[in-house]
Amino acid sequence: MPDDPVKLSAVALGTSAPGQAGPPPSVSKNTIEEAREDARKSVALIIVAAFTCVLLLSLAVFFFRDKDTKPDDVLKIIQAVLAPITGIVGAVTGFYFSASQGHAQSTPQRPDPRQSAD
């Protein structure tokens, strides 16, 4: 028998016949939003932890430097390293908080004042 009517009706109804896999589970919007929130939180925590480690390492280098090294030279290196990382941390933190507060709902769209109303 090429096609079993029980299997065909089970497929048509979205159920599974014995020994067959059923339809894929549905994923609700809340589950997706929770997963996104968890991902945002994880990325933000990793970036802030990395920034904290770099900051502590920079302070350790400054306080435990050689006696021949000038403090100004060490401070210049620390500033060169921390400036870009601070920008990244600010961007990630801003994205995290704007996304978690519903940025699209809390920011009203304003017309551009540079455009003339012709």
C-alpha atoms as a PDB file:
ATOM      1  CA  MET A   1       0.000   0.000   0.000  1.00  0.00           C
ATOM      2  CA  PRO A   2       1.764   3.196  -1.130  1.00  0.00           C
ATOM      3  CA  ASP A   3      -0.012   5.734   1.082  1.00  0.00           C
ATOM      4  CA  ASP A   4      -1.522   4.830   4.426  1.00  0.00           C
ATOM      5  CA  PRO A   5      -4.706   6.893   5.104  1.00  0.00           C
ATOM      6  CA  VAL A   6      -3.923   7.041   8.832  1.00  0.00           C
ATOM      7  CA  LYS A   7      -0.587   8.730   8.171  1.00  0.00           C
ATOM      8  CA  LEU A   8      -2.121  11.105   5.636  1.00  0.00           C
ATOM      9  CA  SER A   9      -4.900  12.175   7.994  1.00  0.00           C
ATOM     10  CA  ALA A  10      -2.435  12.627  10.841  1.00  0.00           C
ATOM     11  CA  VAL A  11      -0.290  14.892   8.675  1.00  0.00           C
ATOM     12  CA  ALA A  12      -3.339  16.831   7.509  1.00  0.00           C
ATOM     13  CA  LEU A  13      -4.473  17.401  11.101  1.00  0.00           C
ATOM     14  CA  GLY A  14      -1.008  18.451  12.262  1.00  0.00           C
ATOM     15  CA  THR A  15      -0.656  15.534  14.618  1.00  0.00           C
ATOM     16  CA  SER A  16       1.815  12.725  14.415  1.00  0.00           C
ATOM     17  CA  ALA A  17       1.170   9.134  13.609  1.00  0.00           C
ATOM     18  CA  PRO A  18       2.725   6.497  15.859  1.00  0.00           C
ATOM     19  CA  GLY A  19       6.480   6.517  15.354  1.00  0.00           C
ATOM     20  CA  GLN A  20       6.416   9.831  13.466  1.00  0.00           C
ATOM     21  CA  ALA A  21       7.603  13.238  14.610  1.00  0.00           C
ATOM     22  CA  GLY A  22       4.975  15.919  15.053  1.00  0.00           C
ATOM     23  CA  PRO A  23       5.012  19.504  13.827  1.00  0.00           C
ATOM     24  CA  PRO A  24       7.688  21.816  15.193  1.00  0.00           C
ATOM     25  CA  PRO A  25       6.779  23.493  18.469  1.00  0.00           C
ATOM     26  CA  SER A  26       5.479  27.010  18.174  1.00  0.00           C
ATOM     27  CA  VAL A  27       7.619  29.753  19.647  1.00  0.00           C
ATOM     28  CA  SER A  28       5.749  32.560  21.313  1.00  0.00           C
ATOM     29  CA  LYS A  29       6.723  36.193  21.024  1.00  0.00           C
ATOM     30  CA  ASN A  30       7.423  36.350  24.759  1.00  0.00           C
ATOM     31  CA  THR A  31       9.969  33.560  24.479  1.00  0.00           C
ATOM     32  CA  ILE A  32      11.778  35.369  21.678  1.00  0.00           C
ATOM     33  CA  GLU A  33      11.742  38.661  23.599  1.00  0.00           C
ATOM     34  CA  GLU A  34      13.057  36.923  26.709  1.00  0.00           C
ATOM     35  CA  ALA A  35      15.875  35.372  24.675  1.00  0.00           C
ATOM     36  CA  ARG A  36      16.755  38.763  23.194  1.00  0.00           C
ATOM     37  CA  GLU A  37      16.733  40.348  26.637  1.00  0.00           C
ATOM     38  CA  ASP A  38      19.004  37.603  27.970  1.00  0.00           C
ATOM     39  CA  ALA A  39      21.397  38.116  25.041  1.00  0.00           C
ATOM     40  CA  ARG A  40      21.455  41.893  25.567  1.00  0.00           C
ATOM     41  CA  LYS A  41      22.087  41.415  29.257  1.00  0.00           C
ATOM     42  CA  SER A  42      24.899  38.925  28.639  1.00  0.00           C
ATOM     43  CA  VAL A  43      26.653  41.159  26.105  1.00  0.00           C
ATOM     44  CA  ALA A  44      26.351  44.195  28.375  1.00  0.00           C
ATOM     45  CA  LEU A  45      27.722  42.301  31.379  1.00  0.00           C
ATOM     46  CA  ILE A  46      30.639  40.888  29.376  1.00  0.00           C
ATOM     47  CA  ILE A  47      31.591  44.325  28.029  1.00  0.00           C
ATOM     48  CA  VAL A  48      31.346  45.987  31.455  1.00  0.00           C
ATOM     49  CA  ALA A  49      33.361  43.154  33.041  1.00  0.00           C
ATOM     50  CA  ALA A  50      36.036  43.493  30.353  1.00  0.00           C
ATOM     51  CA  PHE A  51      36.162  47.249  30.940  1.00  0.00           C
ATOM     52  CA  THR A  52      36.535  46.701  34.681  1.00  0.00           C
ATOM     53  CA  CYS A  53      39.379  44.233  34.125  1.00  0.00           C
ATOM     54  CA  VAL A  54      41.202  46.637  31.800  1.00  0.00           C
ATOM     55  CA  LEU A  55      40.717  49.467  34.284  1.00  0.00           C
ATOM     56  CA  LEU A  56      42.062  47.421  37.193  1.00  0.00           C
ATOM     57  CA  LEU A  57      44.991  46.195  35.094  1.00  0.00           C
ATOM     58  CA  SER A  58      45.778  49.782  34.097  1.00  0.00           C
ATOM     59  CA  LEU A  59      45.771  50.898  37.712  1.00  0.00           C
ATOM     60  CA  ALA A  60      48.037  47.976  38.645  1.00  0.00           C
ATOM     61  CA  VAL A  61      50.466  48.936  35.882  1.00  0.00           C
ATOM     62  CA  PHE A  62      50.455  52.524  37.096  1.00  0.00           C
ATOM     63  CA  PHE A  63      51.095  51.714  40.757  1.00  0.00           C
ATOM     64  CA  PHE A  64      53.538  48.844  40.199  1.00  0.00           C
ATOM     65  CA  ARG A  65      55.616  50.411  37.417  1.00  0.00           C
ATOM     66  CA  ASP A  66      59.407  50.517  37.331  1.00  0.00           C
ATOM     67  CA  LYS A  67      61.019  53.340  39.250  1.00  0.00           C
ATOM     68  CA  ASP A  68      62.608  54.592  36.037  1.00  0.00           C
ATOM     69  CA  THR A  69      59.271  55.006  34.242  1.00  0.00           C
ATOM     70  CA  LYS A  70      57.670  58.427  34.443  1.00  0.00           C
ATOM     71  CA  PRO A  71      54.053  58.563  35.638  1.00  0.00           C
ATOM     72  CA  ASP A  72      53.102  60.779  32.682  1.00  0.00           C
ATOM     73  CA  ASP A  73      54.196  58.100  30.201  1.00  0.00           C
ATOM     74  CA  VAL A  74      52.094  55.472  31.948  1.00  0.00           C
ATOM     75  CA  LEU A  75      49.087  57.815  32.104  1.00  0.00           C
ATOM     76  CA  LYS A  76      49.323  58.472  28.359  1.00  0.00           C
ATOM     77  CA  ILE A  77      49.271  54.749  27.651  1.00  0.00           C
ATOM     78  CA  ILE A  78      46.332  54.215  30.020  1.00  0.00           C
ATOM     79  CA  GLN A  79      44.389  57.045  28.369  1.00  0.00           C
ATOM     80  CA  ALA A  80      45.104  55.622  24.919  1.00  0.00           C
ATOM     81  CA  VAL A  81      43.808  52.198  25.977  1.00  0.00           C
ATOM     82  CA  LEU A  82      40.794  53.285  28.035  1.00  0.00           C
ATOM     83  CA  ALA A  83      39.378  55.915  25.658  1.00  0.00           C
ATOM     84  CA  PRO A  84      38.122  53.529  22.949  1.00  0.00           C
ATOM     85  CA  ILE A  85      36.949  50.958  25.483  1.00  0.00           C
ATOM     86  CA  THR A  86      34.985  53.641  27.333  1.00  0.00           C
ATOM     87  CA  GLY A  87      33.236  54.551  24.073  1.00  0.00           C
ATOM     88  CA  ILE A  88      32.319  50.924  23.426  1.00  0.00           C
ATOM     89  CA  VAL A  89      30.996  50.491  26.974  1.00  0.00           C
ATOM     90  CA  GLY A  90      28.912  53.648  26.604  1.00  0.00           C
ATOM     91  CA  ALA A  91      27.424  52.490  23.312  1.00  0.00           C
ATOM     92  CA  VAL A  92      26.615  49.007  24.622  1.00  0.00           C
ATOM     93  CA  THR A  93      25.124  50.360  27.842  1.00  0.00           C
ATOM     94  CA  GLY A  94      23.027  52.898  25.938  1.00  0.00           C
ATOM     95  CA  PHE A  95      21.782  50.225  23.553  1.00  0.00           C
ATOM     96  CA  TYR A  96      20.937  47.877  26.402  1.00  0.00           C
ATOM     97  CA  PHE A  97      18.941  50.426  28.373  1.00  0.00           C
ATOM     98  CA  SER A  98      17.197  51.902  25.346  1.00  0.00           C
ATOM     99  CA  ALA A  99      16.188  48.436  24.145  1.00  0.00           C
ATOM    100  CA  SER A 100      15.049  47.270  27.564  1.00  0.00           C
ATOM    101  CA  GLN A 101      12.860  50.352  28.109  1.00  0.00           C
ATOM    102  CA  GLY A 102      11.116  50.115  24.757  1.00  0.00           C
ATOM    103  CA  HIS A 103      13.046  52.827  22.945  1.00  0.00           C
ATOM    104  CA  ALA A 104      10.542  53.041  20.112  1.00  0.00           C
ATOM    105  CA  GLN A 105       7.672  53.738  22.500  1.00  0.00           C
ATOM    106  CA  SER A 106       9.442  56.251  24.739  1.00  0.00           C
ATOM    107  CA  THR A 107      10.938  58.418  21.986  1.00  0.00           C
ATOM    108  CA  PRO A 108       8.350  60.403  20.033  1.00  0.00           C
ATOM    109  CA  GLN A 109       9.167  61.208  16.423  1.00  0.00           C
ATOM    110  CA  ARG A 110       9.747  64.925  15.949  1.00  0.00           C
ATOM    111  CA  PRO A 111       9.850  66.720  12.641  1.00  0.00           C
ATOM    112  CA  ASP A 112      13.240  67.920  11.490  1.00  0.00           C
ATOM    113  CA  PRO A 113      13.375  71.725  12.085  1.00  0.00           C
ATOM    114  CA  ARG A 114      15.842  72.126   9.208  1.00  0.00           C
ATOM    115  CA  GLN A 115      13.206  71.072   6.704  1.00  0.00           C
ATOM    116  CA  SER A 116      10.964  73.843   5.494  1.00  0.00           C
ATOM    117  CA  ALA A 117       7.213  73.405   5.398  1.00  0.00           C
ATOM    118  CA  ASP A 118       6.583  74.348   1.772  1.00  0.00           C
END
